ModelCIF file with pLDDT and N, C-alpha, C, O atoms, coordinates in Angstrom:
data_MODEL
#
_entry.id   MODEL 
#
_entity.id                         1 
_entity.type                       polymer 
_entity.pdbx_number_of_molecules   1 
#
_entity_poly.entity_id                      1 
_entity_poly.type                           'polypeptide(L)' 
_entity_poly.nstd_linkage                   no 
_entity_poly.nstd_monomer                   no 
_entity_poly.pdbx_seq_one_letter_code       AVGNALHKNPHPDTIPCYRVVNAAGELSGAFAFGGKNVQAELL 
_entity_poly.pdbx_seq_one_letter_code_can   AVGNALHKNPHPDTIPCYRVVNAAGELSGAFAFGGKNVQAELL 
_entity_poly.pdbx_strand_id                 A 
#
loop_
_entity_poly_seq.entity_id 
_entity_poly_seq.num 
_entity_poly_seq.mon_id 
_entity_poly_seq.hetero 
1 1  ALA n 
1 2  VAL n 
1 3  GLY n 
1 4  ASN n 
1 5  ALA n 
1 6  LEU n 
1 7  HIS n 
1 8  LYS n 
1 9  ASN n 
1 10 PRO n 
1 11 HIS n 
1 12 PRO n 
1 13 ASP n 
1 14 THR n 
1 15 ILE n 
1 16 PRO n 
1 17 CYS n 
1 18 TYR n 
1 19 ARG n 
1 20 VAL n 
1 21 VAL n 
1 22 ASN n 
1 23 ALA n 
1 24 ALA n 
1 25 GLY n 
1 26 GLU n 
1 27 LEU n 
1 28 SER n 
1 29 GLY n 
1 30 ALA n 
1 31 PHE n 
1 32 ALA n 
1 33 PHE n 
1 34 GLY n 
1 35 GLY n 
1 36 LYS n 
1 37 ASN n 
1 38 VAL n 
1 39 GLN n 
1 40 ALA n 
1 41 GLU n 
1 42 LEU n 
1 43 LEU n 
#
_struct_asym.id          A 
_struct_asym.entity_id   1 
#
loop_
_ma_qa_metric.id 
_ma_qa_metric.mode 
_ma_qa_metric.name 
_ma_qa_metric.software_group_id 
_ma_qa_metric.type 
1 global pLDDT . pLDDT 
2 local  pLDDT . pLDDT 
#
_ma_qa_metric_global.metric_id      1 
_ma_qa_metric_global.metric_value   86.19 
_ma_qa_metric_global.model_id       1 
_ma_qa_metric_global.ordinal_id     1 
#
loop_
_ma_qa_metric_local.label_asym_id 
_ma_qa_metric_local.label_comp_id 
_ma_qa_metric_local.label_seq_id 
_ma_qa_metric_local.metric_id 
_ma_qa_metric_local.metric_value 
_ma_qa_metric_local.model_id 
_ma_qa_metric_local.ordinal_id 
A ALA 1  2 86.00 1 1  
A VAL 2  2 91.00 1 2  
A GLY 3  2 88.00 1 3  
A ASN 4  2 84.00 1 4  
A ALA 5  2 86.00 1 5  
A LEU 6  2 87.00 1 6  
A HIS 7  2 83.00 1 7  
A LYS 8  2 81.00 1 8  
A ASN 9  2 83.00 1 9  
A PRO 10 2 77.00 1 10 
A HIS 11 2 81.00 1 11 
A PRO 12 2 84.00 1 12 
A ASP 13 2 84.00 1 13 
A THR 14 2 88.00 1 14 
A ILE 15 2 91.00 1 15 
A PRO 16 2 94.00 1 16 
A CYS 17 2 94.00 1 17 
A TYR 18 2 94.00 1 18 
A ARG 19 2 96.00 1 19 
A VAL 20 2 96.00 1 20 
A VAL 21 2 95.00 1 21 
A ASN 22 2 94.00 1 22 
A ALA 23 2 94.00 1 23 
A ALA 24 2 95.00 1 24 
A GLY 25 2 96.00 1 25 
A GLU 26 2 95.00 1 26 
A LEU 27 2 93.00 1 27 
A SER 28 2 85.00 1 28 
A GLY 29 2 73.00 1 29 
A ALA 30 2 63.00 1 30 
A PHE 31 2 63.00 1 31 
A ALA 32 2 69.00 1 32 
A PHE 33 2 74.00 1 33 
A GLY 34 2 72.00 1 34 
A GLY 35 2 74.00 1 35 
A LYS 36 2 78.00 1 36 
A ASN 37 2 85.00 1 37 
A VAL 38 2 90.00 1 38 
A GLN 39 2 93.00 1 39 
A ALA 40 2 94.00 1 40 
A GLU 41 2 93.00 1 41 
A LEU 42 2 94.00 1 42 
A LEU 43 2 96.00 1 43 
#
loop_
_atom_site.group_PDB 
_atom_site.id 
_atom_site.type_symbol 
_atom_site.label_atom_id 
_atom_site.label_alt_id 
_atom_site.label_comp_id 
_atom_site.label_asym_id 
_atom_site.label_entity_id 
_atom_site.label_seq_id 
_atom_site.pdbx_PDB_ins_code 
_atom_site.Cartn_x 
_atom_site.Cartn_y 
_atom_site.Cartn_z 
_atom_site.occupancy 
_atom_site.B_iso_or_equiv 
_atom_site.pdbx_formal_charge 
_atom_site.auth_seq_id 
_atom_site.auth_comp_id 
_atom_site.auth_asym_id 
_atom_site.auth_atom_id 
_atom_site.pdbx_PDB_model_num 
ATOM 1   N N  . ALA A 1 1  ? 75.744 18.737 -7.588  1.00 86.00 ? 1  ALA A N  1 
ATOM 2   C CA . ALA A 1 1  ? 75.143 17.483 -7.135  1.00 86.00 ? 1  ALA A CA 1 
ATOM 3   C C  . ALA A 1 1  ? 73.897 17.160 -7.950  1.00 86.00 ? 1  ALA A C  1 
ATOM 4   O O  . ALA A 1 1  ? 73.604 15.994 -8.214  1.00 86.00 ? 1  ALA A O  1 
ATOM 5   N N  . VAL A 1 2  ? 73.163 18.200 -8.349  1.00 91.00 ? 2  VAL A N  1 
ATOM 6   C CA . VAL A 1 2  ? 71.992 18.000 -9.200  1.00 91.00 ? 2  VAL A CA 1 
ATOM 7   C C  . VAL A 1 2  ? 72.425 17.381 -10.524 1.00 91.00 ? 2  VAL A C  1 
ATOM 8   O O  . VAL A 1 2  ? 71.816 16.421 -10.999 1.00 91.00 ? 2  VAL A O  1 
ATOM 9   N N  . GLY A 1 3  ? 73.484 17.939 -11.117 1.00 88.00 ? 3  GLY A N  1 
ATOM 10  C CA . GLY A 1 3  ? 73.985 17.398 -12.371 1.00 88.00 ? 3  GLY A CA 1 
ATOM 11  C C  . GLY A 1 3  ? 74.403 15.948 -12.246 1.00 88.00 ? 3  GLY A C  1 
ATOM 12  O O  . GLY A 1 3  ? 74.108 15.133 -13.119 1.00 88.00 ? 3  GLY A O  1 
ATOM 13  N N  . ASN A 1 4  ? 75.098 15.621 -11.146 1.00 84.00 ? 4  ASN A N  1 
ATOM 14  C CA . ASN A 1 4  ? 75.549 14.242 -10.930 1.00 84.00 ? 4  ASN A CA 1 
ATOM 15  C C  . ASN A 1 4  ? 74.362 13.300 -10.771 1.00 84.00 ? 4  ASN A C  1 
ATOM 16  O O  . ASN A 1 4  ? 74.346 12.209 -11.341 1.00 84.00 ? 4  ASN A O  1 
ATOM 17  N N  . ALA A 1 5  ? 73.363 13.729 -9.989  1.00 86.00 ? 5  ALA A N  1 
ATOM 18  C CA . ALA A 1 5  ? 72.187 12.894 -9.753  1.00 86.00 ? 5  ALA A CA 1 
ATOM 19  C C  . ALA A 1 5  ? 71.430 12.632 -11.055 1.00 86.00 ? 5  ALA A C  1 
ATOM 20  O O  . ALA A 1 5  ? 70.981 11.515 -11.309 1.00 86.00 ? 5  ALA A O  1 
ATOM 21  N N  . LEU A 1 6  ? 71.297 13.672 -11.871 1.00 87.00 ? 6  LEU A N  1 
ATOM 22  C CA . LEU A 1 6  ? 70.552 13.509 -13.116 1.00 87.00 ? 6  LEU A CA 1 
ATOM 23  C C  . LEU A 1 6  ? 71.317 12.632 -14.107 1.00 87.00 ? 6  LEU A C  1 
ATOM 24  O O  . LEU A 1 6  ? 70.721 11.892 -14.890 1.00 87.00 ? 6  LEU A O  1 
ATOM 25  N N  . HIS A 1 7  ? 72.640 12.729 -14.060 1.00 83.00 ? 7  HIS A N  1 
ATOM 26  C CA . HIS A 1 7  ? 73.459 11.898 -14.950 1.00 83.00 ? 7  HIS A CA 1 
ATOM 27  C C  . HIS A 1 7  ? 73.322 10.415 -14.583 1.00 83.00 ? 7  HIS A C  1 
ATOM 28  O O  . HIS A 1 7  ? 73.421 9.545  -15.447 1.00 83.00 ? 7  HIS A O  1 
ATOM 29  N N  . LYS A 1 8  ? 73.092 10.135 -13.282 1.00 81.00 ? 8  LYS A N  1 
ATOM 30  C CA . LYS A 1 8  ? 72.975 8.753  -12.801 1.00 81.00 ? 8  LYS A CA 1 
ATOM 31  C C  . LYS A 1 8  ? 71.525 8.314  -12.670 1.00 81.00 ? 8  LYS A C  1 
ATOM 32  O O  . LYS A 1 8  ? 71.242 7.283  -12.061 1.00 81.00 ? 8  LYS A O  1 
ATOM 33  N N  . ASN A 1 9  ? 70.614 9.078  -13.230 1.00 83.00 ? 9  ASN A N  1 
ATOM 34  C CA . ASN A 1 9  ? 69.179 8.804  -13.113 1.00 83.00 ? 9  ASN A CA 1 
ATOM 35  C C  . ASN A 1 9  ? 68.867 7.314  -13.294 1.00 83.00 ? 9  ASN A C  1 
ATOM 36  O O  . ASN A 1 9  ? 69.046 6.776  -14.387 1.00 83.00 ? 9  ASN A O  1 
ATOM 37  N N  . PRO A 1 10 ? 68.396 6.635  -12.220 1.00 77.00 ? 10 PRO A N  1 
ATOM 38  C CA . PRO A 1 10 ? 68.126 5.194  -12.320 1.00 77.00 ? 10 PRO A CA 1 
ATOM 39  C C  . PRO A 1 10 ? 66.820 4.871  -13.032 1.00 77.00 ? 10 PRO A C  1 
ATOM 40  O O  . PRO A 1 10 ? 66.600 3.730  -13.438 1.00 77.00 ? 10 PRO A O  1 
ATOM 41  N N  . HIS A 1 11 ? 65.953 5.867  -13.187 1.00 81.00 ? 11 HIS A N  1 
ATOM 42  C CA . HIS A 1 11 ? 64.639 5.613  -13.782 1.00 81.00 ? 11 HIS A CA 1 
ATOM 43  C C  . HIS A 1 11 ? 64.304 6.697  -14.807 1.00 81.00 ? 11 HIS A C  1 
ATOM 44  O O  . HIS A 1 11 ? 63.379 7.478  -14.586 1.00 81.00 ? 11 HIS A O  1 
ATOM 45  N N  . PRO A 1 12 ? 65.033 6.760  -15.918 1.00 84.00 ? 12 PRO A N  1 
ATOM 46  C CA . PRO A 1 12 ? 64.809 7.826  -16.903 1.00 84.00 ? 12 PRO A CA 1 
ATOM 47  C C  . PRO A 1 12 ? 63.415 7.819  -17.511 1.00 84.00 ? 12 PRO A C  1 
ATOM 48  O O  . PRO A 1 12 ? 62.955 8.838  -18.025 1.00 84.00 ? 12 PRO A O  1 
ATOM 49  N N  . ASP A 1 13 ? 62.737 6.671  -17.456 1.00 84.00 ? 13 ASP A N  1 
ATOM 50  C CA . ASP A 1 13 ? 61.384 6.615  -18.017 1.00 84.00 ? 13 ASP A CA 1 
ATOM 51  C C  . ASP A 1 13 ? 60.361 7.324  -17.134 1.00 84.00 ? 13 ASP A C  1 
ATOM 52  O O  . ASP A 1 13 ? 59.295 7.722  -17.603 1.00 84.00 ? 13 ASP A O  1 
ATOM 53  N N  . THR A 1 14 ? 60.695 7.480  -15.846 1.00 88.00 ? 14 THR A N  1 
ATOM 54  C CA . THR A 1 14 ? 59.724 8.100  -14.932 1.00 88.00 ? 14 THR A CA 1 
ATOM 55  C C  . THR A 1 14 ? 60.226 9.392  -14.295 1.00 88.00 ? 14 THR A C  1 
ATOM 56  O O  . THR A 1 14 ? 59.423 10.201 -13.830 1.00 88.00 ? 14 THR A O  1 
ATOM 57  N N  . ILE A 1 15 ? 61.546 9.598  -14.266 1.00 91.00 ? 15 ILE A N  1 
ATOM 58  C CA . ILE A 1 15 ? 62.096 10.845 -13.711 1.00 91.00 ? 15 ILE A CA 1 
ATOM 59  C C  . ILE A 1 15 ? 62.557 11.693 -14.890 1.00 91.00 ? 15 ILE A C  1 
ATOM 60  O O  . ILE A 1 15 ? 63.564 11.360 -15.514 1.00 91.00 ? 15 ILE A O  1 
ATOM 61  N N  . PRO A 1 16 ? 61.852 12.784 -15.219 1.00 94.00 ? 16 PRO A N  1 
ATOM 62  C CA . PRO A 1 16 ? 62.121 13.535 -16.456 1.00 94.00 ? 16 PRO A CA 1 
ATOM 63  C C  . PRO A 1 16 ? 63.317 14.483 -16.344 1.00 94.00 ? 16 PRO A C  1 
ATOM 64  O O  . PRO A 1 16 ? 63.157 15.703 -16.352 1.00 94.00 ? 16 PRO A O  1 
ATOM 65  N N  . CYS A 1 17 ? 64.510 13.908 -16.240 1.00 94.00 ? 17 CYS A N  1 
ATOM 66  C CA . CYS A 1 17 ? 65.716 14.713 -16.075 1.00 94.00 ? 17 CYS A CA 1 
ATOM 67  C C  . CYS A 1 17 ? 65.992 15.606 -17.280 1.00 94.00 ? 17 CYS A C  1 
ATOM 68  O O  . CYS A 1 17 ? 66.684 16.617 -17.160 1.00 94.00 ? 17 CYS A O  1 
ATOM 69  N N  . TYR A 1 18 ? 65.457 15.237 -18.433 1.00 94.00 ? 18 TYR A N  1 
ATOM 70  C CA . TYR A 1 18 ? 65.675 16.050 -19.633 1.00 94.00 ? 18 TYR A CA 1 
ATOM 71  C C  . TYR A 1 18 ? 65.029 17.433 -19.516 1.00 94.00 ? 18 TYR A C  1 
ATOM 72  O O  . TYR A 1 18 ? 65.303 18.311 -20.334 1.00 94.00 ? 18 TYR A O  1 
ATOM 73  N N  . ARG A 1 19 ? 64.187 17.632 -18.522 1.00 96.00 ? 19 ARG A N  1 
ATOM 74  C CA . ARG A 1 19 ? 63.537 18.927 -18.327 1.00 96.00 ? 19 ARG A CA 1 
ATOM 75  C C  . ARG A 1 19 ? 64.381 19.892 -17.492 1.00 96.00 ? 19 ARG A C  1 
ATOM 76  O O  . ARG A 1 19 ? 63.892 20.936 -17.060 1.00 96.00 ? 19 ARG A O  1 
ATOM 77  N N  . VAL A 1 20 ? 65.643 19.541 -17.269 1.00 96.00 ? 20 VAL A N  1 
ATOM 78  C CA . VAL A 1 20 ? 66.545 20.411 -16.509 1.00 96.00 ? 20 VAL A CA 1 
ATOM 79  C C  . VAL A 1 20 ? 67.622 20.939 -17.455 1.00 96.00 ? 20 VAL A C  1 
ATOM 80  O O  . VAL A 1 20 ? 68.254 20.175 -18.183 1.00 96.00 ? 20 VAL A O  1 
ATOM 81  N N  . VAL A 1 21 ? 67.819 22.252 -17.432 1.00 95.00 ? 21 VAL A N  1 
ATOM 82  C CA . VAL A 1 21 ? 68.792 22.921 -18.308 1.00 95.00 ? 21 VAL A CA 1 
ATOM 83  C C  . VAL A 1 21 ? 69.663 23.837 -17.457 1.00 95.00 ? 21 VAL A C  1 
ATOM 84  O O  . VAL A 1 21 ? 69.406 24.014 -16.266 1.00 95.00 ? 21 VAL A O  1 
ATOM 85  N N  . ASN A 1 22 ? 70.697 24.421 -18.069 1.00 94.00 ? 22 ASN A N  1 
ATOM 86  C CA . ASN A 1 22 ? 71.550 25.311 -17.278 1.00 94.00 ? 22 ASN A CA 1 
ATOM 87  C C  . ASN A 1 22 ? 70.951 26.709 -17.182 1.00 94.00 ? 22 ASN A C  1 
ATOM 88  O O  . ASN A 1 22 ? 69.867 26.973 -17.703 1.00 94.00 ? 22 ASN A O  1 
ATOM 89  N N  . ALA A 1 23 ? 71.675 27.596 -16.509 1.00 94.00 ? 23 ALA A N  1 
ATOM 90  C CA . ALA A 1 23 ? 71.136 28.935 -16.208 1.00 94.00 ? 23 ALA A CA 1 
ATOM 91  C C  . ALA A 1 23 ? 70.862 29.766 -17.445 1.00 94.00 ? 23 ALA A C  1 
ATOM 92  O O  . ALA A 1 23 ? 70.101 30.732 -17.393 1.00 94.00 ? 23 ALA A O  1 
ATOM 93  N N  . ALA A 1 24 ? 71.484 29.393 -18.569 1.00 95.00 ? 24 ALA A N  1 
ATOM 94  C CA . ALA A 1 24 ? 71.270 30.119 -19.814 1.00 95.00 ? 24 ALA A CA 1 
ATOM 95  C C  . ALA A 1 24 ? 70.226 29.442 -20.697 1.00 95.00 ? 24 ALA A C  1 
ATOM 96  O O  . ALA A 1 24 ? 69.953 29.889 -21.810 1.00 95.00 ? 24 ALA A O  1 
ATOM 97  N N  . GLY A 1 25 ? 69.650 28.363 -20.188 1.00 96.00 ? 25 GLY A N  1 
ATOM 98  C CA . GLY A 1 25 ? 68.668 27.630 -20.971 1.00 96.00 ? 25 GLY A CA 1 
ATOM 99  C C  . GLY A 1 25 ? 69.285 26.633 -21.923 1.00 96.00 ? 25 GLY A C  1 
ATOM 100 O O  . GLY A 1 25 ? 68.591 26.062 -22.764 1.00 96.00 ? 25 GLY A O  1 
ATOM 101 N N  . GLU A 1 26 ? 70.601 26.416 -21.798 1.00 95.00 ? 26 GLU A N  1 
ATOM 102 C CA . GLU A 1 26 ? 71.305 25.516 -22.705 1.00 95.00 ? 26 GLU A CA 1 
ATOM 103 C C  . GLU A 1 26 ? 71.105 24.055 -22.300 1.00 95.00 ? 26 GLU A C  1 
ATOM 104 O O  . GLU A 1 26 ? 71.014 23.727 -21.117 1.00 95.00 ? 26 GLU A O  1 
ATOM 105 N N  . LEU A 1 27 ? 71.041 23.196 -23.302 1.00 93.00 ? 27 LEU A N  1 
ATOM 106 C CA . LEU A 1 27 ? 70.851 21.767 -23.068 1.00 93.00 ? 27 LEU A CA 1 
ATOM 107 C C  . LEU A 1 27 ? 72.184 21.094 -22.745 1.00 93.00 ? 27 LEU A C  1 
ATOM 108 O O  . LEU A 1 27 ? 73.247 21.669 -22.979 1.00 93.00 ? 27 LEU A O  1 
ATOM 109 N N  . SER A 1 28 ? 72.125 19.897 -22.215 1.00 85.00 ? 28 SER A N  1 
ATOM 110 C CA . SER A 1 28 ? 73.331 19.130 -21.898 1.00 85.00 ? 28 SER A CA 1 
ATOM 111 C C  . SER A 1 28 ? 73.957 18.575 -23.167 1.00 85.00 ? 28 SER A C  1 
ATOM 112 O O  . SER A 1 28 ? 73.355 18.597 -24.240 1.00 85.00 ? 28 SER A O  1 
ATOM 113 N N  . GLY A 1 29 ? 75.191 18.072 -23.019 1.00 73.00 ? 29 GLY A N  1 
ATOM 114 C CA . GLY A 1 29 ? 75.864 17.455 -24.144 1.00 73.00 ? 29 GLY A CA 1 
ATOM 115 C C  . GLY A 1 29 ? 75.240 16.126 -24.510 1.00 73.00 ? 29 GLY A C  1 
ATOM 116 O O  . GLY A 1 29 ? 74.382 15.609 -23.795 1.00 73.00 ? 29 GLY A O  1 
ATOM 117 N N  . ALA A 1 30 ? 75.675 15.587 -25.619 1.00 63.00 ? 30 ALA A N  1 
ATOM 118 C CA . ALA A 1 30 ? 75.100 14.343 -26.124 1.00 63.00 ? 30 ALA A CA 1 
ATOM 119 C C  . ALA A 1 30 ? 75.240 13.189 -25.148 1.00 63.00 ? 30 ALA A C  1 
ATOM 120 O O  . ALA A 1 30 ? 74.406 12.284 -25.133 1.00 63.00 ? 30 ALA A O  1 
ATOM 121 N N  . PHE A 1 31 ? 76.302 13.213 -24.321 1.00 63.00 ? 31 PHE A N  1 
ATOM 122 C CA . PHE A 1 31 ? 76.563 12.093 -23.410 1.00 63.00 ? 31 PHE A CA 1 
ATOM 123 C C  . PHE A 1 31 ? 75.449 11.909 -22.385 1.00 63.00 ? 31 PHE A C  1 
ATOM 124 O O  . PHE A 1 31 ? 75.228 10.800 -21.899 1.00 63.00 ? 31 PHE A O  1 
ATOM 125 N N  . ALA A 1 32 ? 74.747 12.994 -22.055 1.00 69.00 ? 32 ALA A N  1 
ATOM 126 C CA . ALA A 1 32 ? 73.822 12.971 -20.915 1.00 69.00 ? 32 ALA A CA 1 
ATOM 127 C C  . ALA A 1 32 ? 72.585 12.116 -21.158 1.00 69.00 ? 32 ALA A C  1 
ATOM 128 O O  . ALA A 1 32 ? 72.041 11.537 -20.217 1.00 69.00 ? 32 ALA A O  1 
ATOM 129 N N  . PHE A 1 33 ? 72.139 12.029 -22.391 1.00 74.00 ? 33 PHE A N  1 
ATOM 130 C CA . PHE A 1 33 ? 70.879 11.326 -22.651 1.00 74.00 ? 33 PHE A CA 1 
ATOM 131 C C  . PHE A 1 33 ? 71.019 10.235 -23.703 1.00 74.00 ? 33 PHE A C  1 
ATOM 132 O O  . PHE A 1 33 ? 70.030 9.786  -24.282 1.00 74.00 ? 33 PHE A O  1 
ATOM 133 N N  . GLY A 1 34 ? 72.240 9.819  -23.941 1.00 72.00 ? 34 GLY A N  1 
ATOM 134 C CA . GLY A 1 34 ? 72.450 8.681  -24.816 1.00 72.00 ? 34 GLY A CA 1 
ATOM 135 C C  . GLY A 1 34 ? 72.601 8.998  -26.285 1.00 72.00 ? 34 GLY A C  1 
ATOM 136 O O  . GLY A 1 34 ? 72.611 8.091  -27.117 1.00 72.00 ? 34 GLY A O  1 
ATOM 137 N N  . GLY A 1 35 ? 72.718 10.273 -26.620 1.00 74.00 ? 35 GLY A N  1 
ATOM 138 C CA . GLY A 1 35 ? 72.916 10.598 -28.027 1.00 74.00 ? 35 GLY A CA 1 
ATOM 139 C C  . GLY A 1 35 ? 72.662 12.057 -28.330 1.00 74.00 ? 35 GLY A C  1 
ATOM 140 O O  . GLY A 1 35 ? 71.959 12.747 -27.592 1.00 74.00 ? 35 GLY A O  1 
ATOM 141 N N  . LYS A 1 36 ? 73.235 12.514 -29.409 1.00 78.00 ? 36 LYS A N  1 
ATOM 142 C CA . LYS A 1 36 ? 73.063 13.901 -29.831 1.00 78.00 ? 36 LYS A CA 1 
ATOM 143 C C  . LYS A 1 36 ? 71.598 14.191 -30.137 1.00 78.00 ? 36 LYS A C  1 
ATOM 144 O O  . LYS A 1 36 ? 70.909 13.395 -30.773 1.00 78.00 ? 36 LYS A O  1 
ATOM 145 N N  . ASN A 1 37 ? 71.145 15.340 -29.673 1.00 85.00 ? 37 ASN A N  1 
ATOM 146 C CA . ASN A 1 37 ? 69.783 15.829 -29.935 1.00 85.00 ? 37 ASN A CA 1 
ATOM 147 C C  . ASN A 1 37 ? 68.683 15.076 -29.189 1.00 85.00 ? 37 ASN A C  1 
ATOM 148 O O  . ASN A 1 37 ? 67.506 15.395 -29.358 1.00 85.00 ? 37 ASN A O  1 
ATOM 149 N N  . VAL A 1 38 ? 69.039 14.078 -28.364 1.00 90.00 ? 38 VAL A N  1 
ATOM 150 C CA . VAL A 1 38 ? 67.998 13.328 -27.658 1.00 90.00 ? 38 VAL A CA 1 
ATOM 151 C C  . VAL A 1 38 ? 67.233 14.243 -26.701 1.00 90.00 ? 38 VAL A C  1 
ATOM 152 O O  . VAL A 1 38 ? 66.003 14.223 -26.677 1.00 90.00 ? 38 VAL A O  1 
ATOM 153 N N  . GLN A 1 39 ? 67.954 15.044 -25.911 1.00 93.00 ? 39 GLN A N  1 
ATOM 154 C CA . GLN A 1 39 ? 67.272 15.947 -24.978 1.00 93.00 ? 39 GLN A CA 1 
ATOM 155 C C  . GLN A 1 39 ? 66.382 16.924 -25.733 1.00 93.00 ? 39 GLN A C  1 
ATOM 156 O O  . GLN A 1 39 ? 65.254 17.188 -25.316 1.00 93.00 ? 39 GLN A O  1 
ATOM 157 N N  . ALA A 1 40 ? 66.881 17.460 -26.840 1.00 94.00 ? 40 ALA A N  1 
ATOM 158 C CA . ALA A 1 40 ? 66.082 18.395 -27.634 1.00 94.00 ? 40 ALA A CA 1 
ATOM 159 C C  . ALA A 1 40 ? 64.813 17.727 -28.155 1.00 94.00 ? 40 ALA A C  1 
ATOM 160 O O  . ALA A 1 40 ? 63.736 18.323 -28.139 1.00 94.00 ? 40 ALA A O  1 
ATOM 161 N N  . GLU A 1 41 ? 64.946 16.500 -28.612 1.00 93.00 ? 41 GLU A N  1 
ATOM 162 C CA . GLU A 1 41 ? 63.773 15.787 -29.130 1.00 93.00 ? 41 GLU A CA 1 
ATOM 163 C C  . GLU A 1 41 ? 62.744 15.538 -28.042 1.00 93.00 ? 41 GLU A C  1 
ATOM 164 O O  . GLU A 1 41 ? 61.542 15.652 -28.278 1.00 93.00 ? 41 GLU A O  1 
ATOM 165 N N  . LEU A 1 42 ? 63.222 15.193 -26.840 1.00 94.00 ? 42 LEU A N  1 
ATOM 166 C CA . LEU A 1 42 ? 62.296 14.953 -25.729 1.00 94.00 ? 42 LEU A CA 1 
ATOM 167 C C  . LEU A 1 42 ? 61.577 16.235 -25.326 1.00 94.00 ? 42 LEU A C  1 
ATOM 168 O O  . LEU A 1 42 ? 60.377 16.223 -25.052 1.00 94.00 ? 42 LEU A O  1 
ATOM 169 N N  . LEU A 1 43 ? 62.316 17.338 -25.293 1.00 96.00 ? 43 LEU A N  1 
ATOM 170 C CA . LEU A 1 43 ? 61.701 18.619 -24.932 1.00 96.00 ? 43 LEU A CA 1 
ATOM 171 C C  . LEU A 1 43 ? 60.699 19.067 -25.999 1.00 96.00 ? 43 LEU A C  1 
ATOM 172 O O  . LEU A 1 43 ? 60.084 20.124 -25.863 1.00 96.00 ? 43 LEU A O  1 
#
C-alpha cells in the first residue's frame, strides 16, 4: 500500500516520496519518478 500511495503521490513537490527505497536500499524503476535516474538525482 505504501508503494501504491507513493506511485500516486498527488503532491510530488511537497511529499518527498523519492526518499523511500526497498529493504535492500534499491531505488525504484524509471517509471516511478518520470524518468531513468530521476530518483537517484533527487537523492
